[in-house]
Amino acid sequence: MGIDGYPQEAKNNGQEGITRLRFTVNEQGLLVVAEITRSAGASVLDETALSALSKCKFRPAQRIDGSWIRGEVEIEFVWSL
């Protein structure tokens, strides 16, 4: 991976795209499920997005009464050279 987080292989091949991920964070703030819902069209970009997501720390969703709950989120990694 390049110093900027862009995979060197993808840079060398001029690969760009959007990886959309859907993931679930449990009541303890742990990532429990992650899936690609839209591929960037290059597996190296998709795999890098999943890897980056797995390194994140999360705060679980919270109800109005303050109790923590499981939550689902969808984000996009935009890969542009």
C-alpha atoms as a PDB file:
ATOM      1  CA  MET A   1       0.000   0.000   0.000  1.00  0.00           C
ATOM      2  CA  GLY A   2       1.249   3.464  -0.787  1.00  0.00           C
ATOM      3  CA  ILE A   3       1.966   5.986   1.935  1.00  0.00           C
ATOM      4  CA  ASP A   4      -1.371   7.688   1.189  1.00  0.00           C
ATOM      5  CA  GLY A   5      -3.367   4.471   1.625  1.00  0.00           C
ATOM      6  CA  TYR A   6      -3.944   3.947  -2.086  1.00  0.00           C
ATOM      7  CA  PRO A   7      -2.794   0.439  -3.051  1.00  0.00           C
ATOM      8  CA  GLN A   8       0.391   0.680  -5.115  1.00  0.00           C
ATOM      9  CA  GLU A   9      -0.842  -2.042  -7.489  1.00  0.00           C
ATOM     10  CA  ALA A  10      -3.985  -0.025  -8.209  1.00  0.00           C
ATOM     11  CA  LYS A  11      -1.937   3.136  -8.768  1.00  0.00           C
ATOM     12  CA  ASN A  12       0.355   1.323 -11.177  1.00  0.00           C
ATOM     13  CA  ASN A  13      -2.672   0.054 -13.123  1.00  0.00           C
ATOM     14  CA  GLY A  14      -4.565   3.373 -13.033  1.00  0.00           C
ATOM     15  CA  GLN A  15      -7.495   1.753 -11.199  1.00  0.00           C
ATOM     16  CA  GLU A  16     -10.223   3.970  -9.772  1.00  0.00           C
ATOM     17  CA  GLY A  17     -13.774   3.391  -8.581  1.00  0.00           C
ATOM     18  CA  ILE A  18     -16.118   3.365  -5.621  1.00  0.00           C
ATOM     19  CA  THR A  19     -16.299   0.601  -3.030  1.00  0.00           C
ATOM     20  CA  ARG A  20     -19.527   0.695  -1.017  1.00  0.00           C
ATOM     21  CA  LEU A  21     -19.523  -1.217   2.267  1.00  0.00           C
ATOM     22  CA  ARG A  22     -22.389  -2.092   4.574  1.00  0.00           C
ATOM     23  CA  PHE A  23     -21.424  -3.046   8.094  1.00  0.00           C
ATOM     24  CA  THR A  24     -22.859  -3.725  11.517  1.00  0.00           C
ATOM     25  CA  VAL A  25     -21.471  -2.563  14.847  1.00  0.00           C
ATOM     26  CA  ASN A  26     -22.713  -4.371  17.945  1.00  0.00           C
ATOM     27  CA  GLU A  27     -23.646  -2.958  21.353  1.00  0.00           C
ATOM     28  CA  GLN A  28     -19.996  -3.102  22.464  1.00  0.00           C
ATOM     29  CA  GLY A  29     -18.787  -1.101  19.453  1.00  0.00           C
ATOM     30  CA  LEU A  30     -17.291  -4.112  17.679  1.00  0.00           C
ATOM     31  CA  LEU A  31     -17.502  -4.643  13.934  1.00  0.00           C
ATOM     32  CA  VAL A  32     -19.464  -7.881  13.530  1.00  0.00           C
ATOM     33  CA  VAL A  33     -20.424  -7.994   9.851  1.00  0.00           C
ATOM     34  CA  ALA A  34     -19.027  -6.218   6.804  1.00  0.00           C
ATOM     35  CA  GLU A  35     -19.898  -6.731   3.165  1.00  0.00           C
ATOM     36  CA  ILE A  36     -19.204  -5.092  -0.157  1.00  0.00           C
ATOM     37  CA  THR A  37     -22.456  -3.853  -1.671  1.00  0.00           C
ATOM     38  CA  ARG A  38     -20.765  -2.189  -4.662  1.00  0.00           C
ATOM     39  CA  SER A  39     -17.391  -3.127  -6.053  1.00  0.00           C
ATOM     40  CA  ALA A  40     -14.905  -0.584  -7.321  1.00  0.00           C
ATOM     41  CA  GLY A  41     -14.247  -3.034 -10.124  1.00  0.00           C
ATOM     42  CA  ALA A  42     -10.814  -3.943  -8.793  1.00  0.00           C
ATOM     43  CA  SER A  43     -10.445  -6.514  -6.032  1.00  0.00           C
ATOM     44  CA  VAL A  44      -7.354  -4.785  -4.626  1.00  0.00           C
ATOM     45  CA  LEU A  45      -9.405  -1.632  -3.990  1.00  0.00           C
ATOM     46  CA  ASP A  46     -12.284  -3.580  -2.419  1.00  0.00           C
ATOM     47  CA  GLU A  47      -9.941  -5.613  -0.207  1.00  0.00           C
ATOM     48  CA  THR A  48      -8.117  -2.460   0.896  1.00  0.00           C
ATOM     49  CA  ALA A  49     -11.428  -0.818   1.846  1.00  0.00           C
ATOM     50  CA  LEU A  50     -12.448  -3.860   3.929  1.00  0.00           C
ATOM     51  CA  SER A  51      -9.036  -3.943   5.582  1.00  0.00           C
ATOM     52  CA  ALA A  52      -9.213  -0.231   6.450  1.00  0.00           C
ATOM     53  CA  LEU A  53     -12.698  -0.684   7.898  1.00  0.00           C
ATOM     54  CA  SER A  54     -11.518  -3.542  10.112  1.00  0.00           C
ATOM     55  CA  LYS A  55      -8.915  -1.205  11.687  1.00  0.00           C
ATOM     56  CA  CYS A  56     -11.493   1.402  12.695  1.00  0.00           C
ATOM     57  CA  LYS A  57     -12.792   1.898  16.212  1.00  0.00           C
ATOM     58  CA  PHE A  58     -16.520   2.381  16.610  1.00  0.00           C
ATOM     59  CA  ARG A  59     -18.936   3.773  19.114  1.00  0.00           C
ATOM     60  CA  PRO A  60     -22.212   1.862  19.111  1.00  0.00           C
ATOM     61  CA  ALA A  61     -25.525   3.490  18.303  1.00  0.00           C
ATOM     62  CA  GLN A  62     -27.365   4.825  21.316  1.00  0.00           C
ATOM     63  CA  ARG A  63     -31.045   5.019  22.178  1.00  0.00           C
ATOM     64  CA  ILE A  64     -32.582   8.153  23.628  1.00  0.00           C
ATOM     65  CA  ASP A  65     -32.500   6.502  27.078  1.00  0.00           C
ATOM     66  CA  GLY A  66     -28.710   6.107  26.765  1.00  0.00           C
ATOM     67  CA  SER A  67     -28.608   2.353  26.196  1.00  0.00           C
ATOM     68  CA  TRP A  68     -26.310   1.050  23.450  1.00  0.00           C
ATOM     69  CA  ILE A  69     -27.760  -0.799  20.485  1.00  0.00           C
ATOM     70  CA  ARG A  70     -26.552  -2.624  17.415  1.00  0.00           C
ATOM     71  CA  GLY A  71     -26.450  -0.445  14.302  1.00  0.00           C
ATOM     72  CA  GLU A  72     -25.960  -0.828  10.568  1.00  0.00           C
ATOM     73  CA  VAL A  73     -24.083   1.700   8.441  1.00  0.00           C
ATOM     74  CA  GLU A  74     -23.239   2.062   4.770  1.00  0.00           C
ATOM     75  CA  ILE A  75     -20.204   4.030   3.570  1.00  0.00           C
ATOM     76  CA  GLU A  76     -18.309   4.572   0.343  1.00  0.00           C
ATOM     77  CA  PHE A  77     -14.587   4.572  -0.322  1.00  0.00           C
ATOM     78  CA  VAL A  78     -13.967   6.742  -3.371  1.00  0.00           C
ATOM     79  CA  TRP A  79     -10.781   5.715  -5.158  1.00  0.00           C
ATOM     80  CA  SER A  80      -9.527   8.499  -7.402  1.00  0.00           C
ATOM     81  CA  LEU A  81      -6.040   9.160  -8.735  1.00  0.00           C
END
